[in-house]
Amino acid sequence: MPLSENELAMLRHTRHQVMATIINLAALAAATTTTLAQCAAIDLRRGQPTLALTIKAIYGAGTRGLRVHVRTSPTNSATGTHPGAINLTVMTDPTAHFRVNELIGLTILNVTDGSSGVITANTLNTVTVAALAGGVTNQWNPGDAYSIAGADYDATDWDVWDTAFTASVALRETENYDTDPVYVKVLVENLDPAVAVTLLRVVASLGV
């Protein structure tokens, strides 16, 4: 049975969306992929039932479009302890499982010391900053706890799709999901080997 006008009005009144831009770049160079640091996390802890991701960009005179990688995380934060020797710039956690250089641009917090620094490189179990600042000793001491907000995302995609492509035109494409993960981030890969994409934006719309 179709809904009455009153029921439709109530549905329009009670169901709405919260929208946020999670990636906003002037350009994405050829053959590159955005990073975790360039994407704001989508927080689904309130149990929002739906998620729509809208990709906007301007294609150049290239031959290929974009690939969208959707990654998930249960925490949106990597945590652990530095059990090694004193170090000014390198945190080592033998139990960590980072992907090489995936953390560049994120900030690591020395929870024990109160200092922090922007990550410039990382290996499987080390994180490097130019310098720590804002703490007591501004260094890593044995037993210091750390936290990296915006990290701890899966290495494999929850979803992946290629956008439509027409050279030298504007792109606007939306993918809709029923939600299940706790946190979501999006990585956008420029598949064109020679031409940059400009005015790249990713907008998340959450049904509440």
N, C-alpha and C. Protein backbone atom coordinates (compact mmCIF):
# COMPACT_ATOMS: atom_id res chain seq x y z
N MET A 1 0.85 -1.19 0.00
CA MET A 1 0.00 0.00 0.00
C MET A 1 0.89 1.25 0.00
N PRO A 2 0.66 2.21 -0.89
CA PRO A 2 1.47 3.42 -0.91
C PRO A 2 1.24 4.26 0.34
N LEU A 3 2.26 5.04 0.71
CA LEU A 3 2.16 5.90 1.88
C LEU A 3 1.24 7.07 1.59
N SER A 4 0.51 7.51 2.63
CA SER A 4 -0.34 8.68 2.49
C SER A 4 0.52 9.94 2.48
N GLU A 5 -0.09 11.06 2.13
CA GLU A 5 0.65 12.33 2.13
C GLU A 5 1.14 12.67 3.53
N ASN A 6 0.33 12.39 4.55
CA ASN A 6 0.74 12.66 5.93
C ASN A 6 1.92 11.79 6.33
N GLU A 7 1.88 10.52 5.92
CA GLU A 7 2.99 9.61 6.24
C GLU A 7 4.26 10.04 5.52
N LEU A 8 4.13 10.48 4.27
CA LEU A 8 5.29 10.95 3.53
C LEU A 8 5.87 12.20 4.17
N ALA A 9 5.00 13.10 4.63
CA ALA A 9 5.47 14.32 5.30
C ALA A 9 6.20 13.99 6.58
N MET A 10 5.68 13.03 7.35
CA MET A 10 6.34 12.63 8.58
C MET A 10 7.69 12.00 8.29
N LEU A 11 7.78 11.20 7.22
CA LEU A 11 9.03 10.56 6.86
C LEU A 11 10.06 11.60 6.47
N ARG A 12 9.64 12.60 5.69
CA ARG A 12 10.56 13.66 5.30
C ARG A 12 11.03 14.45 6.51
N HIS A 13 10.16 14.58 7.51
CA HIS A 13 10.49 15.37 8.70
C HIS A 13 11.43 14.60 9.63
N THR A 14 11.24 13.30 9.74
CA THR A 14 12.00 12.53 10.73
C THR A 14 13.30 11.98 10.17
N ARG A 15 13.42 11.81 8.85
CA ARG A 15 14.64 11.28 8.27
C ARG A 15 15.40 12.41 7.58
N HIS A 16 16.64 12.59 7.97
CA HIS A 16 17.46 13.61 7.34
C HIS A 16 18.89 13.11 7.28
N GLN A 17 19.74 13.89 6.62
CA GLN A 17 21.12 13.49 6.43
C GLN A 17 22.06 14.52 7.03
N VAL A 18 23.18 14.03 7.50
CA VAL A 18 24.28 14.87 7.95
C VAL A 18 25.37 14.75 6.90
N MET A 19 25.82 15.88 6.35
CA MET A 19 26.80 15.86 5.28
C MET A 19 28.10 16.50 5.74
N ALA A 20 29.22 15.94 5.28
CA ALA A 20 30.53 16.49 5.61
C ALA A 20 31.50 16.19 4.48
N THR A 21 32.34 17.17 4.16
CA THR A 21 33.41 16.96 3.19
C THR A 21 34.57 16.30 3.89
N ILE A 22 34.98 15.12 3.43
CA ILE A 22 36.05 14.38 4.10
C ILE A 22 37.37 14.44 3.35
N ILE A 23 37.35 14.77 2.06
CA ILE A 23 38.56 15.02 1.29
C ILE A 23 38.32 16.28 0.47
N ASN A 24 39.31 17.18 0.48
CA ASN A 24 39.18 18.42 -0.29
C ASN A 24 40.58 18.82 -0.77
N LEU A 25 40.90 18.49 -2.02
CA LEU A 25 42.23 18.72 -2.57
C LEU A 25 42.14 19.56 -3.84
N ALA A 26 43.08 20.49 -3.98
CA ALA A 26 43.13 21.28 -5.21
C ALA A 26 43.50 20.42 -6.39
N ALA A 27 44.33 19.40 -6.15
CA ALA A 27 44.75 18.51 -7.25
C ALA A 27 45.24 17.19 -6.68
N LEU A 28 45.05 16.14 -7.45
CA LEU A 28 45.61 14.82 -7.16
C LEU A 28 46.49 14.44 -8.34
N ALA A 29 47.78 14.35 -8.09
CA ALA A 29 48.74 14.13 -9.16
C ALA A 29 48.51 12.80 -9.86
N ALA A 30 49.03 12.68 -11.06
CA ALA A 30 48.92 11.45 -11.83
C ALA A 30 49.54 10.29 -11.07
N ALA A 31 48.87 9.13 -11.16
CA ALA A 31 49.38 7.87 -10.60
C ALA A 31 49.68 7.96 -9.10
N THR A 32 48.88 8.72 -8.37
CA THR A 32 49.04 8.80 -6.92
C THR A 32 47.70 8.50 -6.24
N THR A 33 47.79 8.22 -4.94
CA THR A 33 46.62 7.90 -4.13
C THR A 33 46.62 8.79 -2.91
N THR A 34 45.45 9.29 -2.53
CA THR A 34 45.37 10.08 -1.31
C THR A 34 45.75 9.23 -0.09
N THR A 35 46.04 9.91 1.01
CA THR A 35 46.53 9.23 2.21
C THR A 35 45.49 9.26 3.32
N LEU A 36 45.75 8.47 4.36
CA LEU A 36 44.88 8.50 5.54
C LEU A 36 44.81 9.90 6.13
N ALA A 37 45.95 10.60 6.12
CA ALA A 37 45.99 11.94 6.71
C ALA A 37 45.16 12.95 5.94
N GLN A 38 44.90 12.69 4.67
CA GLN A 38 44.14 13.63 3.85
C GLN A 38 42.63 13.40 3.92
N CYS A 39 42.20 12.40 4.68
CA CYS A 39 40.77 12.08 4.77
C CYS A 39 40.32 12.14 6.22
N ALA A 40 39.26 12.89 6.48
CA ALA A 40 38.64 12.89 7.80
C ALA A 40 37.88 11.59 8.00
N ALA A 41 37.91 11.08 9.21
CA ALA A 41 37.22 9.82 9.50
C ALA A 41 35.71 10.03 9.54
N ILE A 42 34.98 9.04 9.04
CA ILE A 42 33.53 9.01 9.13
C ILE A 42 33.18 8.16 10.35
N ASP A 43 32.58 8.78 11.35
CA ASP A 43 32.27 8.13 12.63
C ASP A 43 30.85 7.57 12.58
N LEU A 44 30.74 6.24 12.64
CA LEU A 44 29.44 5.57 12.55
C LEU A 44 29.01 4.95 13.87
N ARG A 45 29.59 5.43 14.97
CA ARG A 45 29.31 4.81 16.27
C ARG A 45 27.88 5.03 16.75
N ARG A 46 27.17 6.00 16.20
CA ARG A 46 25.79 6.25 16.61
C ARG A 46 24.81 5.33 15.89
N GLY A 47 25.33 4.46 15.05
CA GLY A 47 24.46 3.50 14.37
C GLY A 47 23.69 4.07 13.20
N GLN A 48 24.26 5.07 12.52
CA GLN A 48 23.59 5.63 11.36
C GLN A 48 23.33 4.53 10.34
N PRO A 49 22.11 4.46 9.81
CA PRO A 49 21.73 3.31 8.98
C PRO A 49 22.28 3.34 7.56
N THR A 50 22.59 4.51 7.03
CA THR A 50 23.03 4.60 5.65
C THR A 50 24.23 5.54 5.52
N LEU A 51 24.99 5.32 4.48
CA LEU A 51 26.14 6.16 4.14
C LEU A 51 26.17 6.32 2.63
N ALA A 52 26.29 7.56 2.17
CA ALA A 52 26.48 7.83 0.74
C ALA A 52 27.79 8.59 0.57
N LEU A 53 28.61 8.15 -0.38
CA LEU A 53 29.87 8.81 -0.68
C LEU A 53 29.78 9.41 -2.07
N THR A 54 29.96 10.73 -2.16
CA THR A 54 29.90 11.43 -3.43
C THR A 54 31.29 11.92 -3.81
N ILE A 55 31.75 11.53 -4.98
CA ILE A 55 33.06 11.92 -5.49
C ILE A 55 32.87 13.01 -6.53
N LYS A 56 33.59 14.12 -6.35
CA LYS A 56 33.54 15.23 -7.30
C LYS A 56 34.97 15.55 -7.74
N ALA A 57 35.17 15.81 -9.01
CA ALA A 57 36.49 16.17 -9.52
C ALA A 57 36.35 16.72 -10.92
N ILE A 58 37.43 17.33 -11.39
CA ILE A 58 37.52 17.79 -12.77
C ILE A 58 38.60 16.97 -13.46
N TYR A 59 38.22 16.21 -14.47
CA TYR A 59 39.19 15.44 -15.23
C TYR A 59 39.93 16.34 -16.22
N GLY A 60 41.22 16.02 -16.40
CA GLY A 60 41.97 16.67 -17.46
C GLY A 60 41.88 15.88 -18.74
N ALA A 61 42.79 16.19 -19.65
CA ALA A 61 42.78 15.52 -20.96
C ALA A 61 43.55 14.21 -20.87
N GLY A 62 43.16 13.36 -19.92
CA GLY A 62 43.83 12.09 -19.71
C GLY A 62 43.10 10.95 -20.38
N THR A 63 43.41 9.74 -19.91
CA THR A 63 42.81 8.54 -20.51
C THR A 63 42.13 7.64 -19.49
N ARG A 64 42.33 7.91 -18.19
CA ARG A 64 41.75 7.05 -17.17
C ARG A 64 41.22 7.90 -16.02
N GLY A 65 40.30 7.31 -15.25
CA GLY A 65 39.64 8.04 -14.19
C GLY A 65 40.19 7.73 -12.80
N LEU A 66 39.28 7.64 -11.82
CA LEU A 66 39.65 7.46 -10.43
C LEU A 66 39.20 6.09 -9.92
N ARG A 67 39.94 5.58 -8.96
CA ARG A 67 39.54 4.38 -8.23
C ARG A 67 39.35 4.76 -6.77
N VAL A 68 38.20 4.40 -6.22
CA VAL A 68 37.85 4.78 -4.85
C VAL A 68 37.98 3.56 -3.94
N HIS A 69 38.82 3.68 -2.92
CA HIS A 69 39.04 2.61 -1.95
C HIS A 69 38.38 3.01 -0.64
N VAL A 70 37.49 2.19 -0.12
CA VAL A 70 36.82 2.47 1.15
C VAL A 70 37.39 1.52 2.19
N ARG A 71 37.99 2.08 3.24
CA ARG A 71 38.64 1.30 4.28
C ARG A 71 37.91 1.49 5.61
N THR A 72 38.01 0.50 6.48
CA THR A 72 37.31 0.56 7.75
C THR A 72 38.27 0.37 8.92
N SER A 73 37.82 0.82 10.10
CA SER A 73 38.61 0.67 11.32
C SER A 73 37.66 0.53 12.50
N PRO A 74 38.00 -0.30 13.49
CA PRO A 74 37.16 -0.39 14.69
C PRO A 74 37.43 0.71 15.69
N THR A 75 38.57 1.44 15.54
CA THR A 75 38.97 2.39 16.58
C THR A 75 39.33 3.78 16.08
N ASN A 76 39.76 3.91 14.82
CA ASN A 76 40.28 5.18 14.28
C ASN A 76 41.49 5.67 15.07
N SER A 77 42.20 4.77 15.72
CA SER A 77 43.36 5.17 16.52
C SER A 77 44.27 3.96 16.74
N ALA A 78 45.57 4.15 16.46
CA ALA A 78 46.56 3.12 16.75
C ALA A 78 47.22 3.45 18.08
N THR A 79 47.31 2.49 18.98
CA THR A 79 47.88 2.72 20.31
C THR A 79 48.87 1.62 20.64
N GLY A 80 49.75 1.93 21.58
CA GLY A 80 50.72 0.94 22.02
C GLY A 80 51.74 1.57 22.94
N THR A 81 52.90 0.89 23.06
CA THR A 81 53.94 1.32 23.98
C THR A 81 55.31 1.25 23.31
N HIS A 82 56.15 2.21 23.65
CA HIS A 82 57.54 2.25 23.18
C HIS A 82 58.42 1.62 24.26
N PRO A 83 58.83 0.36 24.10
CA PRO A 83 59.62 -0.30 25.13
C PRO A 83 61.13 -0.13 24.95
N GLY A 84 61.54 0.54 23.88
CA GLY A 84 62.95 0.60 23.54
C GLY A 84 63.71 1.67 24.30
N ALA A 85 64.89 1.97 23.79
CA ALA A 85 65.77 2.96 24.42
C ALA A 85 65.26 4.38 24.16
N ILE A 86 65.84 5.33 24.89
CA ILE A 86 65.50 6.74 24.69
C ILE A 86 65.80 7.15 23.25
N ASN A 87 64.85 7.86 22.64
CA ASN A 87 65.04 8.31 21.27
C ASN A 87 64.28 9.62 21.08
N LEU A 88 64.89 10.58 20.40
CA LEU A 88 64.27 11.89 20.22
C LEU A 88 63.19 11.88 19.15
N THR A 89 63.35 11.05 18.13
CA THR A 89 62.45 11.15 16.97
C THR A 89 61.79 9.85 16.54
N VAL A 90 62.26 8.70 16.99
CA VAL A 90 61.73 7.42 16.50
C VAL A 90 61.08 6.65 17.64
N MET A 91 59.80 6.31 17.46
CA MET A 91 59.07 5.45 18.37
C MET A 91 59.10 4.04 17.81
N THR A 92 59.41 3.07 18.64
CA THR A 92 59.46 1.67 18.21
C THR A 92 58.49 0.84 19.04
N ASP A 93 57.60 0.12 18.35
CA ASP A 93 56.65 -0.78 19.02
C ASP A 93 56.74 -2.13 18.31
N PRO A 94 57.43 -3.11 18.91
CA PRO A 94 57.61 -4.41 18.26
C PRO A 94 56.32 -5.15 17.96
N THR A 95 55.23 -4.76 18.60
CA THR A 95 53.95 -5.44 18.39
C THR A 95 53.10 -4.78 17.31
N ALA A 96 53.56 -3.66 16.75
CA ALA A 96 52.75 -2.91 15.78
C ALA A 96 52.73 -3.63 14.43
N HIS A 97 51.72 -3.30 13.62
CA HIS A 97 51.56 -3.87 12.29
C HIS A 97 51.22 -2.74 11.29
N PHE A 98 52.05 -1.72 11.24
CA PHE A 98 51.81 -0.62 10.32
C PHE A 98 52.19 -1.03 8.90
N ARG A 99 51.56 -0.38 7.91
CA ARG A 99 52.01 -0.51 6.52
C ARG A 99 53.00 0.62 6.26
N VAL A 100 54.04 0.35 5.51
CA VAL A 100 55.13 1.30 5.33
C VAL A 100 54.61 2.64 4.80
N ASN A 101 54.88 3.68 5.55
CA ASN A 101 54.58 5.08 5.21
C ASN A 101 53.09 5.40 5.10
N GLU A 102 52.21 4.53 5.58
CA GLU A 102 50.78 4.84 5.55
C GLU A 102 50.40 5.94 6.54
N LEU A 103 51.26 6.20 7.53
CA LEU A 103 50.94 7.15 8.61
C LEU A 103 51.47 8.56 8.35
N ILE A 104 52.17 8.76 7.24
CA ILE A 104 52.76 10.08 6.96
C ILE A 104 51.68 11.16 6.97
N GLY A 105 51.95 12.24 7.70
CA GLY A 105 51.01 13.35 7.79
C GLY A 105 50.11 13.29 9.00
N LEU A 106 49.93 12.12 9.62
CA LEU A 106 49.18 12.00 10.86
C LEU A 106 50.06 12.46 12.02
N THR A 107 49.46 12.66 13.18
CA THR A 107 50.18 13.11 14.37
C THR A 107 50.25 11.99 15.39
N ILE A 108 51.45 11.74 15.91
CA ILE A 108 51.61 10.76 16.99
C ILE A 108 51.73 11.51 18.31
N LEU A 109 51.00 11.03 19.29
CA LEU A 109 51.00 11.63 20.64
C LEU A 109 51.75 10.72 21.59
N ASN A 110 52.72 11.28 22.29
CA ASN A 110 53.35 10.58 23.41
C ASN A 110 52.45 10.81 24.62
N VAL A 111 51.61 9.84 24.89
CA VAL A 111 50.59 10.00 25.94
C VAL A 111 51.25 10.21 27.30
N THR A 112 52.34 9.53 27.56
CA THR A 112 53.02 9.63 28.85
C THR A 112 53.67 10.99 29.03
N ASP A 113 54.32 11.47 28.00
CA ASP A 113 55.10 12.72 28.06
C ASP A 113 54.26 13.95 27.76
N GLY A 114 53.18 13.78 26.98
CA GLY A 114 52.35 14.91 26.58
C GLY A 114 52.82 15.60 25.32
N SER A 115 53.90 15.10 24.71
CA SER A 115 54.42 15.72 23.48
C SER A 115 53.79 15.06 22.26
N SER A 116 53.98 15.70 21.11
CA SER A 116 53.45 15.15 19.87
C SER A 116 54.29 15.64 18.70
N GLY A 117 54.12 14.98 17.55
CA GLY A 117 54.82 15.38 16.34
C GLY A 117 54.14 14.82 15.12
N VAL A 118 54.33 15.49 13.99
CA VAL A 118 53.76 15.04 12.72
C VAL A 118 54.66 13.94 12.16
N ILE A 119 54.05 12.87 11.73
CA ILE A 119 54.80 11.70 11.25
C ILE A 119 55.37 11.98 9.87
N THR A 120 56.67 11.70 9.71
CA THR A 120 57.35 11.90 8.43
C THR A 120 57.66 10.58 7.73
N ALA A 121 57.65 9.47 8.47
CA ALA A 121 57.90 8.15 7.89
C ALA A 121 57.50 7.09 8.90
N ASN A 122 57.22 5.90 8.39
CA ASN A 122 57.00 4.77 9.30
C ASN A 122 57.34 3.46 8.61
N THR A 123 57.74 2.48 9.41
CA THR A 123 57.97 1.12 8.94
C THR A 123 56.91 0.23 9.55
N LEU A 124 57.12 -1.06 9.51
CA LEU A 124 56.18 -2.02 10.09
C LEU A 124 55.94 -1.73 11.57
N ASN A 125 56.99 -1.35 12.30
CA ASN A 125 56.85 -1.16 13.75
C ASN A 125 57.58 0.05 14.30
N THR A 126 57.94 1.02 13.44
CA THR A 126 58.53 2.27 13.91
C THR A 126 57.81 3.45 13.30
N VAL A 127 57.83 4.57 14.03
CA VAL A 127 57.24 5.82 13.56
C VAL A 127 58.25 6.94 13.79
N THR A 128 58.51 7.73 12.75
CA THR A 128 59.50 8.79 12.81
C THR A 128 58.83 10.15 12.68
N VAL A 129 59.28 11.10 13.50
CA VAL A 129 58.85 12.50 13.41
C VAL A 129 60.10 13.36 13.28
N ALA A 130 59.92 14.60 12.79
CA ALA A 130 61.06 15.53 12.74
C ALA A 130 61.47 15.90 14.16
N ALA A 131 60.48 16.09 15.03
CA ALA A 131 60.74 16.42 16.43
C ALA A 131 59.45 16.29 17.21
N LEU A 132 59.56 15.95 18.49
CA LEU A 132 58.43 16.01 19.41
C LEU A 132 58.41 17.38 20.08
N ALA A 133 57.22 17.86 20.40
CA ALA A 133 57.11 19.18 21.03
C ALA A 133 55.90 19.20 21.95
N GLY A 134 55.94 20.10 22.91
CA GLY A 134 54.79 20.33 23.79
C GLY A 134 54.73 19.45 25.01
N GLY A 135 55.78 18.64 25.24
CA GLY A 135 55.77 17.73 26.39
C GLY A 135 56.79 18.11 27.45
N VAL A 136 57.06 17.17 28.32
CA VAL A 136 57.99 17.40 29.41
C VAL A 136 59.44 17.23 28.94
N THR A 137 59.74 16.08 28.35
CA THR A 137 61.10 15.83 27.86
C THR A 137 61.19 15.83 26.34
N ASN A 138 60.04 15.74 25.66
CA ASN A 138 60.00 15.74 24.19
C ASN A 138 60.90 14.67 23.59
N GLN A 139 60.76 13.48 24.14
CA GLN A 139 61.50 12.34 23.62
C GLN A 139 60.75 11.07 24.00
N TRP A 140 61.16 9.97 23.37
CA TRP A 140 60.58 8.67 23.70
C TRP A 140 61.44 8.00 24.77
N ASN A 141 60.82 7.74 25.90
CA ASN A 141 61.48 7.03 26.99
C ASN A 141 60.92 5.63 27.10
N PRO A 142 61.69 4.67 27.63
CA PRO A 142 61.18 3.30 27.77
C PRO A 142 59.86 3.25 28.52
N GLY A 143 58.85 2.59 27.92
CA GLY A 143 57.55 2.46 28.56
C GLY A 143 56.55 3.54 28.21
N ASP A 144 56.95 4.55 27.41
CA ASP A 144 56.01 5.60 27.02
C ASP A 144 54.89 5.03 26.15
N ALA A 145 53.67 5.44 26.45
CA ALA A 145 52.51 5.04 25.64
C ALA A 145 52.32 6.04 24.50
N TYR A 146 51.78 5.55 23.38
CA TYR A 146 51.54 6.43 22.24
C TYR A 146 50.13 6.23 21.70
N SER A 147 49.68 7.22 20.93
CA SER A 147 48.39 7.15 20.24
C SER A 147 48.51 7.90 18.92
N ILE A 148 47.95 7.31 17.86
CA ILE A 148 47.95 7.95 16.54
C ILE A 148 46.51 8.03 16.06
N ALA A 149 45.90 9.19 16.17
CA ALA A 149 44.51 9.37 15.73
C ALA A 149 44.44 9.32 14.21
N GLY A 150 43.40 8.67 13.69
CA GLY A 150 43.21 8.56 12.25
C GLY A 150 43.89 7.36 11.63
N ALA A 151 44.42 6.47 12.48
CA ALA A 151 45.14 5.29 11.99
C ALA A 151 44.36 4.03 12.33
N ASP A 152 45.01 2.87 12.17
CA ASP A 152 44.45 1.55 12.46
C ASP A 152 43.36 1.16 11.46
N TYR A 153 43.57 1.51 10.18
CA TYR A 153 42.62 1.14 9.13
C TYR A 153 43.08 -0.13 8.42
N ASP A 154 42.10 -0.89 7.93
CA ASP A 154 42.41 -2.15 7.26
C ASP A 154 43.32 -1.93 6.06
N ALA A 155 44.13 -2.94 5.75
CA ALA A 155 44.98 -2.89 4.57
C ALA A 155 44.21 -3.25 3.31
N THR A 156 43.09 -3.93 3.46
CA THR A 156 42.25 -4.30 2.32
C THR A 156 40.98 -3.46 2.30
N ASP A 157 40.36 -3.39 1.14
CA ASP A 157 39.19 -2.53 0.96
C ASP A 157 37.91 -3.19 1.47
N TRP A 158 37.09 -2.40 2.13
CA TRP A 158 35.72 -2.80 2.43
C TRP A 158 34.90 -2.75 1.14
N ASP A 159 35.21 -1.75 0.32
CA ASP A 159 34.61 -1.65 -1.01
C ASP A 159 35.60 -0.90 -1.90
N VAL A 160 35.51 -1.13 -3.19
CA VAL A 160 36.34 -0.42 -4.16
C VAL A 160 35.55 -0.30 -5.45
N TRP A 161 35.63 0.85 -6.08
CA TRP A 161 34.99 0.99 -7.38
C TRP A 161 35.73 2.04 -8.22
N ASP A 162 35.61 1.90 -9.54
CA ASP A 162 36.18 2.86 -10.48
C ASP A 162 35.08 3.82 -10.92
N THR A 163 35.40 5.10 -10.92
CA THR A 163 34.41 6.09 -11.35
C THR A 163 34.30 6.10 -12.87
N ALA A 164 33.20 6.65 -13.33
CA ALA A 164 33.04 6.85 -14.77
C ALA A 164 34.09 7.86 -15.25
N PHE A 165 34.48 7.76 -16.50
CA PHE A 165 35.51 8.67 -17.03
C PHE A 165 35.14 9.20 -18.39
N THR A 166 35.22 10.54 -18.51
CA THR A 166 35.19 11.23 -19.79
C THR A 166 36.20 12.36 -19.70
N ALA A 167 37.13 12.41 -20.62
CA ALA A 167 38.20 13.40 -20.56
C ALA A 167 37.65 14.83 -20.54
N SER A 168 38.28 15.66 -19.71
CA SER A 168 38.03 17.11 -19.68
C SER A 168 36.61 17.47 -19.28
N VAL A 169 35.99 16.67 -18.41
CA VAL A 169 34.66 17.00 -17.92
C VAL A 169 34.65 16.89 -16.40
N ALA A 170 33.58 17.41 -15.80
CA ALA A 170 33.41 17.33 -14.35
C ALA A 170 32.82 15.97 -13.98
N LEU A 171 33.31 15.43 -12.87
CA LEU A 171 32.81 14.16 -12.35
C LEU A 171 31.98 14.42 -11.12
N ARG A 172 30.85 13.75 -11.03
CA ARG A 172 30.05 13.70 -9.80
C ARG A 172 29.39 12.32 -9.77
N GLU A 173 29.78 11.50 -8.78
CA GLU A 173 29.29 10.13 -8.73
C GLU A 173 29.10 9.74 -7.26
N THR A 174 27.99 9.05 -6.98
CA THR A 174 27.66 8.69 -5.60
C THR A 174 27.47 7.18 -5.47
N GLU A 175 28.01 6.63 -4.39
CA GLU A 175 27.81 5.22 -4.04
C GLU A 175 27.10 5.16 -2.70
N ASN A 176 26.09 4.30 -2.58
CA ASN A 176 25.28 4.22 -1.37
C ASN A 176 25.53 2.90 -0.63
N TYR A 177 25.52 2.97 0.71
CA TYR A 177 25.80 1.81 1.54
C TYR A 177 24.81 1.70 2.69
N ASP A 178 24.52 0.48 3.09
CA ASP A 178 23.97 0.21 4.41
C ASP A 178 25.17 0.05 5.34
N THR A 179 25.17 0.75 6.46
CA THR A 179 26.37 0.81 7.28
C THR A 179 26.50 -0.39 8.19
N ASP A 180 27.75 -0.71 8.51
CA ASP A 180 28.10 -1.78 9.43
C ASP A 180 29.38 -1.48 10.19
N PRO A 181 30.43 -0.89 9.53
CA PRO A 181 31.67 -0.62 10.26
C PRO A 181 31.50 0.47 11.31
N VAL A 182 32.56 0.68 12.09
CA VAL A 182 32.57 1.72 13.13
C VAL A 182 33.12 3.02 12.57
N TYR A 183 34.26 2.95 11.90
CA TYR A 183 34.86 4.12 11.26
C TYR A 183 35.17 3.80 9.80
N VAL A 184 35.09 4.82 8.94
CA VAL A 184 35.37 4.65 7.52
C VAL A 184 36.25 5.81 7.05
N LYS A 185 37.23 5.50 6.21
CA LYS A 185 37.98 6.51 5.48
C LYS A 185 38.01 6.11 4.01
N VAL A 186 38.27 7.11 3.16
CA VAL A 186 38.29 6.89 1.71
C VAL A 186 39.65 7.28 1.17
N LEU A 187 40.23 6.43 0.34
CA LEU A 187 41.44 6.73 -0.41
C LEU A 187 41.07 6.80 -1.88
N VAL A 188 41.49 7.87 -2.55
CA VAL A 188 41.17 8.05 -3.96
C VAL A 188 42.45 7.93 -4.77
N GLU A 189 42.44 7.04 -5.74
CA GLU A 189 43.61 6.75 -6.56
C GLU A 189 43.39 7.30 -7.97
N ASN A 190 44.33 8.11 -8.44
CA ASN A 190 44.28 8.61 -9.81
C ASN A 190 44.93 7.57 -10.72
N LEU A 191 44.14 6.93 -11.55
CA LEU A 191 44.63 5.86 -12.41
C LEU A 191 45.36 6.36 -13.64
N ASP A 192 45.21 7.65 -13.95
CA ASP A 192 45.86 8.17 -15.15
C ASP A 192 47.36 8.30 -14.89
N PRO A 193 48.20 7.78 -15.79
CA PRO A 193 49.64 7.79 -15.55
C PRO A 193 50.31 9.13 -15.80
N ALA A 194 49.59 10.09 -16.39
CA ALA A 194 50.27 11.32 -16.80
C ALA A 194 49.54 12.61 -16.44
N VAL A 195 48.23 12.56 -16.17
CA VAL A 195 47.46 13.79 -16.03
C VAL A 195 46.83 13.87 -14.64
N ALA A 196 46.97 15.02 -13.99
CA ALA A 196 46.39 15.24 -12.67
C ALA A 196 44.89 15.44 -12.75
N VAL A 197 44.22 15.16 -11.65
CA VAL A 197 42.80 15.49 -11.49
C VAL A 197 42.73 16.69 -10.55
N THR A 198 41.87 17.63 -10.84
CA THR A 198 41.78 18.84 -10.03
C THR A 198 40.45 18.93 -9.29
N LEU A 199 40.45 19.78 -8.27
CA LEU A 199 39.26 20.07 -7.46
C LEU A 199 38.59 18.80 -6.98
N LEU A 200 39.38 17.93 -6.38
CA LEU A 200 38.86 16.66 -5.87
C LEU A 200 38.19 16.86 -4.52
N ARG A 201 36.94 16.41 -4.42
CA ARG A 201 36.20 16.46 -3.16
C ARG A 201 35.48 15.14 -2.96
N VAL A 202 35.44 14.68 -1.72
CA VAL A 202 34.63 13.54 -1.35
C VAL A 202 33.70 13.98 -0.23
N VAL A 203 32.41 13.81 -0.44
CA VAL A 203 31.41 14.23 0.54
C VAL A 203 30.70 13.01 1.09
N ALA A 204 30.66 12.88 2.41
CA ALA A 204 29.95 11.78 3.08
C ALA A 204 28.60 12.29 3.57
N SER A 205 27.54 11.55 3.28
CA SER A 205 26.20 11.87 3.74
C SER A 205 25.70 10.71 4.59
N LEU A 206 25.39 11.00 5.87
CA LEU A 206 24.95 9.96 6.80
C LEU A 206 23.47 10.10 7.07
N GLY A 207 22.72 9.00 6.90
CA GLY A 207 21.32 9.00 7.28
C GLY A 207 21.21 8.84 8.78
N VAL A 208 20.38 9.65 9.40
CA VAL A 208 20.22 9.59 10.86
C VAL A 208 18.75 9.46 11.21
